[in-house]
């Protein structure tokens, strides 16, 4: 909300069907924005709410989401090996160290 701190504002709220409430413009609520509604000591408190915490915002950037999709696609190909144990993984590394390196065409 953009209401001024320490400024009290009063207005009427009209309850509508489907649990919708009509509030006055002076609250400057933004369409589509999420708000947290609390009831404390019989008072209704309405505050902006972020669905994604600040410390996790980077996970939801377009760049990060593209990288996640690419990583998932790679895991479905031969680029990723799955091992039942660390021992199997180490044996595979040893085989790769001993295998001849193919020459470029």
PDB file of N, CA and C in Angstrom:
ATOM      1  N   UNK A   1       0.835  -1.172   0.000  1.00  0.00           N
ATOM      2  CA  UNK A   1       0.000   0.000   0.000  1.00  0.00           C
ATOM      3  C   UNK A   1       0.879   1.234   0.000  1.00  0.00           C
ATOM      4  N   UNK A   2       0.367   2.260  -0.593  1.00  0.00           N
ATOM      5  CA  UNK A   2       1.124   3.495  -0.660  1.00  0.00           C
ATOM      6  C   UNK A   2       0.595   4.536   0.312  1.00  0.00           C
ATOM      7  N   UNK A   3      -0.238   4.134   1.239  1.00  0.00           N
ATOM      8  CA  UNK A   3      -0.772   5.089   2.217  1.00  0.00           C
ATOM      9  C   UNK A   3       0.379   5.616   3.061  1.00  0.00           C
ATOM     10  N   UNK A   4       0.263   6.834   3.469  1.00  0.00           N
ATOM     11  CA  UNK A   4       1.322   7.459   4.264  1.00  0.00           C
ATOM     12  C   UNK A   4       1.367   6.851   5.658  1.00  0.00           C
ATOM     13  N   UNK A   5       2.576   6.636   6.168  1.00  0.00           N
ATOM     14  CA  UNK A   5       2.725   6.158   7.540  1.00  0.00           C
ATOM     15  C   UNK A   5       2.178   7.229   8.470  1.00  0.00           C
ATOM     16  N   UNK A   6       1.587   6.826   9.540  1.00  0.00           N
ATOM     17  CA  UNK A   6       1.008   7.722  10.544  1.00  0.00           C
ATOM     18  C   UNK A   6      -0.256   8.446  10.065  1.00  0.00           C
ATOM     19  N   UNK A   7      -0.651   8.291   8.805  1.00  0.00           N
ATOM     20  CA  UNK A   7      -1.873   8.926   8.332  1.00  0.00           C
ATOM     21  C   UNK A   7      -2.988   7.890   8.400  1.00  0.00           C
ATOM     22  N   UNK A   8      -4.060   8.244   9.064  1.00  0.00           N
ATOM     23  CA  UNK A   8      -5.193   7.338   9.148  1.00  0.00           C
ATOM     24  C   UNK A   8      -6.153   7.664   8.021  1.00  0.00           C
ATOM     25  N   UNK A   9      -6.691   6.620   7.437  1.00  0.00           N
ATOM     26  CA  UNK A   9      -7.630   6.791   6.348  1.00  0.00           C
ATOM     27  C   UNK A   9      -8.811   5.866   6.598  1.00  0.00           C
ATOM     28  N   UNK A  10      -9.992   6.375   6.406  1.00  0.00           N
ATOM     29  CA  UNK A  10     -11.187   5.578   6.627  1.00  0.00           C
ATOM     30  C   UNK A  10     -12.038   5.623   5.367  1.00  0.00           C
ATOM     31  N   UNK A  11     -12.575   4.486   5.002  1.00  0.00           N
ATOM     32  CA  UNK A  11     -13.514   4.446   3.891  1.00  0.00           C
ATOM     33  C   UNK A  11     -14.403   3.224   4.067  1.00  0.00           C
ATOM     34  N   UNK A  12     -15.465   3.183   3.304  1.00  0.00           N
ATOM     35  CA  UNK A  12     -16.377   2.048   3.367  1.00  0.00           C
ATOM     36  C   UNK A  12     -15.935   0.976   2.385  1.00  0.00           C
ATOM     37  N   UNK A  13     -16.159  -0.259   2.748  1.00  0.00           N
ATOM     38  CA  UNK A  13     -15.838  -1.396   1.884  1.00  0.00           C
ATOM     39  C   UNK A  13     -17.140  -2.130   1.622  1.00  0.00           C
ATOM     40  N   UNK A  14     -17.380  -2.464   0.379  1.00  0.00           N
ATOM     41  CA  UNK A  14     -18.596  -3.185   0.026  1.00  0.00           C
ATOM     42  C   UNK A  14     -18.239  -4.634  -0.305  1.00  0.00           C
ATOM     43  N   UNK A  15     -18.857  -5.559   0.397  1.00  0.00           N
ATOM     44  CA  UNK A  15     -18.648  -6.981   0.139  1.00  0.00           C
ATOM     45  C   UNK A  15     -19.473  -7.377  -1.082  1.00  0.00           C
ATOM     46  N   UNK A  16     -18.868  -8.121  -1.983  1.00  0.00           N
ATOM     47  CA  UNK A  16     -19.547  -8.584  -3.198  1.00  0.00           C
ATOM     48  C   UNK A  16     -19.591 -10.102  -3.217  1.00  0.00           C
ATOM     49  N   UNK A  17     -20.231 -10.630  -4.243  1.00  0.00           N
ATOM     50  CA  UNK A  17     -20.294 -12.084  -4.416  1.00  0.00           C
ATOM     51  C   UNK A  17     -18.886 -12.637  -4.604  1.00  0.00           C
ATOM     52  N   UNK A  18     -18.744 -13.922  -4.370  1.00  0.00           N
ATOM     53  CA  UNK A  18     -17.462 -14.626  -4.561  1.00  0.00           C
ATOM     54  C   UNK A  18     -16.343 -14.045  -3.702  1.00  0.00           C
ATOM     55  N   UNK A  19     -16.652 -13.590  -2.532  1.00  0.00           N
ATOM     56  CA  UNK A  19     -15.662 -13.086  -1.569  1.00  0.00           C
ATOM     57  C   UNK A  19     -14.866 -11.899  -2.085  1.00  0.00           C
ATOM     58  N   UNK A  20     -15.432 -11.120  -2.977  1.00  0.00           N
ATOM     59  CA  UNK A  20     -14.755  -9.928  -3.462  1.00  0.00           C
ATOM     60  C   UNK A  20     -15.190  -8.728  -2.634  1.00  0.00           C
ATOM     61  N   UNK A  21     -14.252  -7.829  -2.412  1.00  0.00           N
ATOM     62  CA  UNK A  21     -14.560  -6.600  -1.674  1.00  0.00           C
ATOM     63  C   UNK A  21     -14.145  -5.414  -2.530  1.00  0.00           C
ATOM     64  N   UNK A  22     -14.942  -4.366  -2.508  1.00  0.00           N
ATOM     65  CA  UNK A  22     -14.643  -3.150  -3.257  1.00  0.00           C
ATOM     66  C   UNK A  22     -14.045  -2.134  -2.290  1.00  0.00           C
ATOM     67  N   UNK A  23     -12.849  -1.651  -2.610  1.00  0.00           N
ATOM     68  CA  UNK A  23     -12.204  -0.668  -1.736  1.00  0.00           C
ATOM     69  C   UNK A  23     -11.970   0.622  -2.521  1.00  0.00           C
ATOM     70  N   UNK A  24     -11.822   1.701  -1.817  1.00  0.00           N
ATOM     71  CA  UNK A  24     -11.646   3.010  -2.447  1.00  0.00           C
ATOM     72  C   UNK A  24     -10.280   3.140  -3.115  1.00  0.00           C
ATOM     73  N   UNK A  25     -10.207   4.014  -4.099  1.00  0.00           N
ATOM     74  CA  UNK A  25      -8.973   4.251  -4.852  1.00  0.00           C
ATOM     75  C   UNK A  25      -7.851   4.821  -4.001  1.00  0.00           C
ATOM     76  N   UNK A  26      -8.179   5.502  -2.917  1.00  0.00           N
ATOM     77  CA  UNK A  26      -7.129   6.158  -2.132  1.00  0.00           C
ATOM     78  C   UNK A  26      -6.124   5.161  -1.562  1.00  0.00           C
ATOM     79  N   UNK A  27      -6.463   3.884  -1.521  1.00  0.00           N
ATOM     80  CA  UNK A  27      -5.501   2.877  -1.070  1.00  0.00           C
ATOM     81  C   UNK A  27      -4.463   2.574  -2.141  1.00  0.00           C
ATOM     82  N   UNK A  28      -4.742   2.947  -3.368  1.00  0.00           N
ATOM     83  CA  UNK A  28      -3.831   2.749  -4.504  1.00  0.00           C
ATOM     84  C   UNK A  28      -3.403   1.297  -4.658  1.00  0.00           C
ATOM     85  N   UNK A  29      -4.333   0.385  -4.536  1.00  0.00           N
ATOM     86  CA  UNK A  29      -4.030  -1.026  -4.758  1.00  0.00           C
ATOM     87  C   UNK A  29      -3.828  -1.243  -6.251  1.00  0.00           C
ATOM     88  N   UNK A  30      -2.918  -2.132  -6.602  1.00  0.00           N
ATOM     89  CA  UNK A  30      -2.572  -2.386  -7.995  1.00  0.00           C
ATOM     90  C   UNK A  30      -3.235  -3.681  -8.446  1.00  0.00           C
ATOM     91  N   UNK A  31      -3.934  -3.630  -9.594  1.00  0.00           N
ATOM     92  CA  UNK A  31      -4.556  -4.837 -10.132  1.00  0.00           C
ATOM     93  C   UNK A  31      -3.509  -5.916 -10.357  1.00  0.00           C
ATOM     94  N   UNK A  32      -3.820  -7.115  -9.957  1.00  0.00           N
ATOM     95  CA  UNK A  32      -2.924  -8.244 -10.162  1.00  0.00           C
ATOM     96  C   UNK A  32      -1.885  -8.429  -9.074  1.00  0.00           C
ATOM     97  N   UNK A  33      -1.664  -7.422  -8.249  1.00  0.00           N
ATOM     98  CA  UNK A  33      -0.681  -7.536  -7.173  1.00  0.00           C
ATOM     99  C   UNK A  33      -1.283  -8.348  -6.032  1.00  0.00           C
ATOM    100  N   UNK A  34      -0.454  -9.062  -5.310  1.00  0.00           N
ATOM    101  CA  UNK A  34      -0.914  -9.915  -4.218  1.00  0.00           C
ATOM    102  C   UNK A  34      -0.757  -9.166  -2.896  1.00  0.00           C
ATOM    103  N   UNK A  35      -1.772  -9.263  -2.067  1.00  0.00           N
ATOM    104  CA  UNK A  35      -1.758  -8.613  -0.762  1.00  0.00           C
ATOM    105  C   UNK A  35      -2.047  -9.644   0.315  1.00  0.00           C
ATOM    106  N   UNK A  36      -1.422  -9.469   1.456  1.00  0.00           N
ATOM    107  CA  UNK A  36      -1.656 -10.330   2.617  1.00  0.00           C
ATOM    108  C   UNK A  36      -2.673  -9.629   3.506  1.00  0.00           C
ATOM    109  N   UNK A  37      -3.697 -10.358   3.890  1.00  0.00           N
ATOM    110  CA  UNK A  37      -4.727  -9.795   4.748  1.00  0.00           C
ATOM    111  C   UNK A  37      -4.661 -10.490   6.090  1.00  0.00           C
ATOM    112  N   UNK A  38      -4.504  -9.710   7.146  1.00  0.00           N
ATOM    113  CA  UNK A  38      -4.448 -10.246   8.512  1.00  0.00           C
ATOM    114  C   UNK A  38      -5.531  -9.568   9.339  1.00  0.00           C
ATOM    115  N   UNK A  39      -6.016 -10.291  10.300  1.00  0.00           N
ATOM    116  CA  UNK A  39      -6.945  -9.704  11.259  1.00  0.00           C
ATOM    117  C   UNK A  39      -6.262  -9.763  12.615  1.00  0.00           C
ATOM    118  N   UNK A  40      -5.999  -8.597  13.198  1.00  0.00           N
ATOM    119  CA  UNK A  40      -5.356  -8.500  14.508  1.00  0.00           C
ATOM    120  C   UNK A  40      -6.217  -7.642  15.420  1.00  0.00           C
ATOM    121  N   UNK A  41      -6.590  -8.199  16.529  1.00  0.00           N
ATOM    122  CA  UNK A  41      -7.412  -7.471  17.507  1.00  0.00           C
ATOM    123  C   UNK A  41      -8.637  -6.829  16.854  1.00  0.00           C
ATOM    124  N   UNK A  42      -9.261  -7.567  15.947  1.00  0.00           N
ATOM    125  CA  UNK A  42     -10.461  -7.064  15.293  1.00  0.00           C
ATOM    126  C   UNK A  42     -10.210  -6.054  14.191  1.00  0.00           C
ATOM    127  N   UNK A  43      -8.943  -5.788  13.872  1.00  0.00           N
ATOM    128  CA  UNK A  43      -8.601  -4.845  12.810  1.00  0.00           C
ATOM    129  C   UNK A  43      -8.093  -5.623  11.606  1.00  0.00           C
ATOM    130  N   UNK A  44      -8.463  -5.173  10.425  1.00  0.00           N
ATOM    131  CA  UNK A  44      -7.989  -5.792   9.185  1.00  0.00           C
ATOM    132  C   UNK A  44      -6.733  -5.056   8.740  1.00  0.00           C
ATOM    133  N   UNK A  45      -5.673  -5.803   8.494  1.00  0.00           N
ATOM    134  CA  UNK A  45      -4.406  -5.234   8.030  1.00  0.00           C
ATOM    135  C   UNK A  45      -4.129  -5.819   6.649  1.00  0.00           C
ATOM    136  N   UNK A  46      -3.952  -4.950   5.671  1.00  0.00           N
ATOM    137  CA  UNK A  46      -3.703  -5.343   4.291  1.00  0.00           C
ATOM    138  C   UNK A  46      -2.313  -4.850   3.911  1.00  0.00           C
ATOM    139  N   UNK A  47      -1.433  -5.768   3.513  1.00  0.00           N
ATOM    140  CA  UNK A  47      -0.054  -5.391   3.188  1.00  0.00           C
ATOM    141  C   UNK A  47       0.382  -6.094   1.907  1.00  0.00           C
ATOM    142  N   UNK A  48       1.220  -5.439   1.083  1.00  0.00           N
ATOM    143  CA  UNK A  48       1.734  -6.090  -0.124  1.00  0.00           C
ATOM    144  C   UNK A  48       2.496  -7.362   0.248  1.00  0.00           C
ATOM    145  N   UNK A  49       2.381  -8.375  -0.573  1.00  0.00           N
ATOM    146  CA  UNK A  49       3.048  -9.656  -0.312  1.00  0.00           C
ATOM    147  C   UNK A  49       3.771 -10.106  -1.567  1.00  0.00           C
ATOM    148  N   UNK A  50       5.045 -10.429  -1.422  1.00  0.00           N
ATOM    149  CA  UNK A  50       5.812 -10.984  -2.533  1.00  0.00           C
ATOM    150  C   UNK A  50       5.647 -12.500  -2.507  1.00  0.00           C
ATOM    151  N   UNK A  51       5.367 -13.083  -3.659  1.00  0.00           N
ATOM    152  CA  UNK A  51       5.224 -14.531  -3.728  1.00  0.00           C
ATOM    153  C   UNK A  51       6.580 -15.223  -3.745  1.00  0.00           C
ATOM    154  N   UNK A  52       7.589 -14.518  -4.247  1.00  0.00           N
ATOM    155  CA  UNK A  52       8.937 -15.077  -4.304  1.00  0.00           C
ATOM    156  C   UNK A  52       9.823 -14.224  -3.403  1.00  0.00           C
ATOM    157  N   UNK A  53      10.444 -14.827  -2.384  1.00  0.00           N
ATOM    158  CA  UNK A  53      11.323 -14.059  -1.493  1.00  0.00           C
ATOM    159  C   UNK A  53      12.485 -13.424  -2.265  1.00  0.00           C
ATOM    160  N   UNK A  54      12.964 -12.286  -1.784  1.00  0.00           N
ATOM    161  CA  UNK A  54      14.054 -11.565  -2.448  1.00  0.00           C
ATOM    162  C   UNK A  54      15.274 -12.440  -2.693  1.00  0.00           C
ATOM    163  N   UNK A  55      15.611 -13.313  -1.731  1.00  0.00           N
ATOM    164  CA  UNK A  55      16.816 -14.127  -1.884  1.00  0.00           C
ATOM    165  C   UNK A  55      16.635 -15.262  -2.883  1.00  0.00           C
ATOM    166  N   UNK A  56      15.439 -15.410  -3.465  1.00  0.00           N
ATOM    167  CA  UNK A  56      15.211 -16.449  -4.470  1.00  0.00           C
ATOM    168  C   UNK A  56      14.780 -15.873  -5.817  1.00  0.00           C
ATOM    169  N   UNK A  57      14.765 -14.557  -5.943  1.00  0.00           N
ATOM    170  CA  UNK A  57      14.329 -13.915  -7.183  1.00  0.00           C
ATOM    171  C   UNK A  57      15.147 -14.386  -8.390  1.00  0.00           C
ATOM    172  N   UNK A  58      16.461 -14.556  -8.217  1.00  0.00           N
ATOM    173  CA  UNK A  58      17.315 -14.931  -9.342  1.00  0.00           C
ATOM    174  C   UNK A  58      16.918 -16.278  -9.937  1.00  0.00           C
ATOM    175  N   UNK A  59      16.306 -17.151  -9.126  1.00  0.00           N
ATOM    176  CA  UNK A  59      15.889 -18.460  -9.635  1.00  0.00           C
ATOM    177  C   UNK A  59      14.790 -18.345 -10.680  1.00  0.00           C
ATOM    178  N   UNK A  60      14.085 -17.247 -10.683  1.00  0.00           N
ATOM    179  CA  UNK A  60      12.926 -17.106 -11.556  1.00  0.00           C
ATOM    180  C   UNK A  60      13.157 -16.124 -12.694  1.00  0.00           C
ATOM    181  N   UNK A  61      14.414 -15.731 -12.922  1.00  0.00           N
ATOM    182  CA  UNK A  61      14.700 -14.875 -14.071  1.00  0.00           C
ATOM    183  C   UNK A  61      14.582 -15.715 -15.335  1.00  0.00           C
ATOM    184  N   UNK A  62      14.312 -15.063 -16.451  1.00  0.00           N
ATOM    185  CA  UNK A  62      14.179 -15.785 -17.722  1.00  0.00           C
ATOM    186  C   UNK A  62      15.473 -16.529 -18.050  1.00  0.00           C
ATOM    187  N   UNK A  63      16.610 -15.880 -17.834  1.00  0.00           N
ATOM    188  CA  UNK A  63      17.913 -16.495 -18.117  1.00  0.00           C
ATOM    189  C   UNK A  63      18.101 -17.782 -17.313  1.00  0.00           C
ATOM    190  N   UNK A  64      17.771 -17.733 -16.040  1.00  0.00           N
ATOM    191  CA  UNK A  64      17.935 -18.905 -15.174  1.00  0.00           C
ATOM    192  C   UNK A  64      16.981 -20.029 -15.582  1.00  0.00           C
ATOM    193  N   UNK A  65      15.756 -19.681 -15.956  1.00  0.00           N
ATOM    194  CA  UNK A  65      14.789 -20.694 -16.364  1.00  0.00           C
ATOM    195  C   UNK A  65      15.224 -21.384 -17.655  1.00  0.00           C
ATOM    196  N   UNK A  66      15.790 -20.620 -18.605  1.00  0.00           N
ATOM    197  CA  UNK A  66      16.309 -21.210 -19.845  1.00  0.00           C
ATOM    198  C   UNK A  66      17.448 -22.166 -19.516  1.00  0.00           C
ATOM    199  N   UNK A  67      18.351 -21.758 -18.631  1.00  0.00           N
ATOM    200  CA  UNK A  67      19.474 -22.617 -18.237  1.00  0.00           C
ATOM    201  C   UNK A  67      18.977 -23.903 -17.578  1.00  0.00           C
ATOM    202  N   UNK A  68      17.933 -23.807 -16.761  1.00  0.00           N
ATOM    203  CA  UNK A  68      17.371 -24.999 -16.113  1.00  0.00           C
ATOM    204  C   UNK A  68      16.801 -25.961 -17.149  1.00  0.00           C
ATOM    205  N   UNK A  69      16.102 -25.429 -18.153  1.00  0.00           N
ATOM    206  CA  UNK A  69      15.540 -26.280 -19.209  1.00  0.00           C
ATOM    207  C   UNK A  69      16.645 -26.957 -20.013  1.00  0.00           C
ATOM    208  N   UNK A  70      17.718 -26.221 -20.293  1.00  0.00           N
ATOM    209  CA  UNK A  70      18.854 -26.805 -21.013  1.00  0.00           C
ATOM    210  C   UNK A  70      19.495 -27.918 -20.195  1.00  0.00           C
ATOM    211  N   UNK A  71      19.648 -27.705 -18.907  1.00  0.00           N
ATOM    212  CA  UNK A  71      20.246 -28.723 -18.039  1.00  0.00           C
ATOM    213  C   UNK A  71      19.371 -29.971 -17.997  1.00  0.00           C
ATOM    214  N   UNK A  72      18.065 -29.792 -17.926  1.00  0.00           N
ATOM    215  CA  UNK A  72      17.161 -30.944 -17.919  1.00  0.00           C
ATOM    216  C   UNK A  72      17.244 -31.712 -19.229  1.00  0.00           C
ATOM    217  N   UNK A  73      17.345 -30.989 -20.354  1.00  0.00           N
ATOM    218  CA  UNK A  73      17.462 -31.643 -21.657  1.00  0.00           C
ATOM    219  C   UNK A  73      18.762 -32.439 -21.741  1.00  0.00           C
ATOM    220  N   UNK A  74      19.856 -31.876 -21.240  1.00  0.00           N
ATOM    221  CA  UNK A  74      21.136 -32.587 -21.251  1.00  0.00           C
ATOM    222  C   UNK A  74      21.085 -33.850 -20.406  1.00  0.00           C
ATOM    223  N   UNK A  75      20.347 -33.821 -19.318  1.00  0.00           N
ATOM    224  CA  UNK A  75      20.261 -35.002 -18.458  1.00  0.00           C
ATOM    225  C   UNK A  75      19.530 -36.150 -19.147  1.00  0.00           C
ATOM    226  N   UNK A  76      18.779 -35.851 -20.206  1.00  0.00           N
ATOM    227  CA  UNK A  76      18.069 -36.888 -20.951  1.00  0.00           C
ATOM    228  C   UNK A  76      18.919 -37.450 -22.094  1.00  0.00           C
ATOM    229  N   UNK A  77      20.123 -36.949 -22.289  1.00  0.00           N
ATOM    230  CA  UNK A  77      20.977 -37.378 -23.395  1.00  0.00           C
ATOM    231  C   UNK A  77      22.171 -38.159 -22.876  1.00  0.00           C
ATOM    232  N   UNK A  78      23.045 -38.506 -23.822  1.00  0.00           N
ATOM    233  CA  UNK A  78      24.244 -39.261 -23.443  1.00  0.00           C
ATOM    234  C   UNK A  78      25.286 -38.402 -22.737  1.00  0.00           C
ATOM    235  N   UNK A  79      25.067 -37.111 -22.631  1.00  0.00           N
ATOM    236  CA  UNK A  79      26.033 -36.235 -21.975  1.00  0.00           C
ATOM    237  C   UNK A  79      26.090 -36.446 -20.466  1.00  0.00           C
ATOM    238  N   UNK A  80      25.079 -37.107 -19.932  1.00  0.00           N
ATOM    239  CA  UNK A  80      25.017 -37.322 -18.490  1.00  0.00           C
ATOM    240  C   UNK A  80      24.979 -38.817 -18.216  1.00  0.00           C
ATOM    241  N   UNK A  81      25.860 -39.270 -17.359  1.00  0.00           N
ATOM    242  CA  UNK A  81      25.873 -40.677 -16.953  1.00  0.00           C
ATOM    243  C   UNK A  81      25.322 -40.796 -15.544  1.00  0.00           C
ATOM    244  N   UNK A  82      24.650 -41.899 -15.286  1.00  0.00           N
ATOM    245  CA  UNK A  82      24.114 -42.160 -13.952  1.00  0.00           C
ATOM    246  C   UNK A  82      24.853 -43.357 -13.369  1.00  0.00           C
ATOM    247  N   UNK A  83      25.232 -43.257 -12.121  1.00  0.00           N
ATOM    248  CA  UNK A  83      25.991 -44.321 -11.466  1.00  0.00           C
ATOM    249  C   UNK A  83      25.286 -44.747 -10.196  1.00  0.00           C
ATOM    250  N   UNK A  84      25.401 -46.043  -9.901  1.00  0.00           N
ATOM    251  CA  UNK A  84      24.780 -46.580  -8.691  1.00  0.00           C
ATOM    252  C   UNK A  84      25.615 -46.312  -7.447  1.00  0.00           C
ATOM    253  N   UNK A  85      26.909 -46.071  -7.648  1.00  0.00           N
ATOM    254  CA  UNK A  85      27.773 -45.840  -6.487  1.00  0.00           C
ATOM    255  C   UNK A  85      28.945 -44.951  -6.888  1.00  0.00           C
ATOM    256  N   UNK A  86      29.630 -44.435  -5.899  1.00  0.00           N
ATOM    257  CA  UNK A  86      30.824 -43.633  -6.146  1.00  0.00           C
ATOM    258  C   UNK A  86      31.904 -44.507  -6.780  1.00  0.00           C
ATOM    259  N   UNK A  87      31.960 -45.755  -6.371  1.00  0.00           N
ATOM    260  CA  UNK A  87      32.948 -46.684  -6.939  1.00  0.00           C
ATOM    261  C   UNK A  87      32.734 -46.844  -8.447  1.00  0.00           C
ATOM    262  N   UNK A  88      31.484 -46.999  -8.864  1.00  0.00           N
ATOM    263  CA  UNK A  88      31.190 -47.110 -10.301  1.00  0.00           C
ATOM    264  C   UNK A  88      31.592 -45.837 -11.038  1.00  0.00           C
ATOM    265  N   UNK A  89      31.359 -44.709 -10.418  1.00  0.00           N
ATOM    266  CA  UNK A  89      31.728 -43.428 -11.015  1.00  0.00           C
ATOM    267  C   UNK A  89      33.245 -43.346 -11.213  1.00  0.00           C
ATOM    268  N   UNK A  90      34.003 -43.717 -10.185  1.00  0.00           N
ATOM    269  CA  UNK A  90      35.467 -43.656 -10.272  1.00  0.00           C
ATOM    270  C   UNK A  90      36.003 -44.631 -11.318  1.00  0.00           C
ATOM    271  N   UNK A  91      35.410 -45.814 -11.420  1.00  0.00           N
ATOM    272  CA  UNK A  91      35.824 -46.777 -12.457  1.00  0.00           C
ATOM    273  C   UNK A  91      35.600 -46.193 -13.845  1.00  0.00           C
ATOM    274  N   UNK A  92      34.483 -45.523 -14.018  1.00  0.00           N
ATOM    275  CA  UNK A  92      34.179 -44.908 -15.305  1.00  0.00           C
ATOM    276  C   UNK A  92      35.204 -43.831 -15.639  1.00  0.00           C
ATOM    277  N   UNK A  93      35.608 -43.042 -14.642  1.00  0.00           N
ATOM    278  CA  UNK A  93      36.632 -42.019 -14.871  1.00  0.00           C
ATOM    279  C   UNK A  93      37.953 -42.651 -15.291  1.00  0.00           C
ATOM    280  N   UNK A  94      38.311 -43.755 -14.648  1.00  0.00           N
ATOM    281  CA  UNK A  94      39.560 -44.440 -14.998  1.00  0.00           C
ATOM    282  C   UNK A  94      39.512 -44.938 -16.434  1.00  0.00           C
ATOM    283  N   UNK A  95      38.365 -45.477 -16.859  1.00  0.00           N
ATOM    284  CA  UNK A  95      38.229 -45.952 -18.239  1.00  0.00           C
ATOM    285  C   UNK A  95      38.394 -44.798 -19.218  1.00  0.00           C
ATOM    286  N   UNK A  96      37.825 -43.667 -18.892  1.00  0.00           N
ATOM    287  CA  UNK A  96      37.923 -42.507 -19.786  1.00  0.00           C
ATOM    288  C   UNK A  96      39.358 -42.007 -19.867  1.00  0.00           C
ATOM    289  N   UNK A  97      40.101 -42.081 -18.751  1.00  0.00           N
ATOM    290  CA  UNK A  97      41.502 -41.659 -18.759  1.00  0.00           C
ATOM    291  C   UNK A  97      42.339 -42.564 -19.656  1.00  0.00           C
ATOM    292  N   UNK A  98      42.004 -43.850 -19.701  1.00  0.00           N
ATOM    293  CA  UNK A  98      42.778 -44.816 -20.482  1.00  0.00           C
ATOM    294  C   UNK A  98      42.333 -44.884 -21.939  1.00  0.00           C
ATOM    295  N   UNK A  99      41.139 -44.428 -22.240  1.00  0.00           N
ATOM    296  CA  UNK A  99      40.613 -44.516 -23.607  1.00  0.00           C
ATOM    297  C   UNK A  99      41.363 -43.551 -24.517  1.00  0.00           C
ATOM    298  N   UNK A 100      41.620 -43.978 -25.769  1.00  0.00           N
ATOM    299  CA  UNK A 100      42.288 -43.075 -26.711  1.00  0.00           C
ATOM    300  C   UNK A 100      41.365 -41.905 -27.066  1.00  0.00           C
ATOM    301  N   UNK A 101      41.966 -40.767 -27.273  1.00  0.00           N
ATOM    302  CA  UNK A 101      41.204 -39.572 -27.634  1.00  0.00           C
ATOM    303  C   UNK A 101      40.958 -39.607 -29.135  1.00  0.00           C
ATOM    304  N   UNK A 102      39.699 -39.532 -29.563  1.00  0.00           N
ATOM    305  CA  UNK A 102      39.430 -39.563 -31.007  1.00  0.00           C
ATOM    306  C   UNK A 102      39.993 -38.323 -31.692  1.00  0.00           C
ATOM    307  N   UNK A 103      40.523 -38.545 -32.898  1.00  0.00           N
ATOM    308  CA  UNK A 103      41.084 -37.430 -33.666  1.00  0.00           C
ATOM    309  C   UNK A 103      39.956 -36.713 -34.401  1.00  0.00           C
ATOM    310  N   UNK A 104      40.041 -35.392 -34.490  1.00  0.00           N
ATOM    311  CA  UNK A 104      39.014 -34.650 -35.241  1.00  0.00           C
ATOM    312  C   UNK A 104      39.087 -34.989 -36.723  1.00  0.00           C
ATOM    313  N   UNK A 105      37.955 -34.973 -37.379  1.00  0.00           N
ATOM    314  CA  UNK A 105      37.902 -35.305 -38.819  1.00  0.00           C
ATOM    315  C   UNK A 105      38.292 -34.140 -39.658  1.00  0.00           C
TER     316      UNK A 105
END
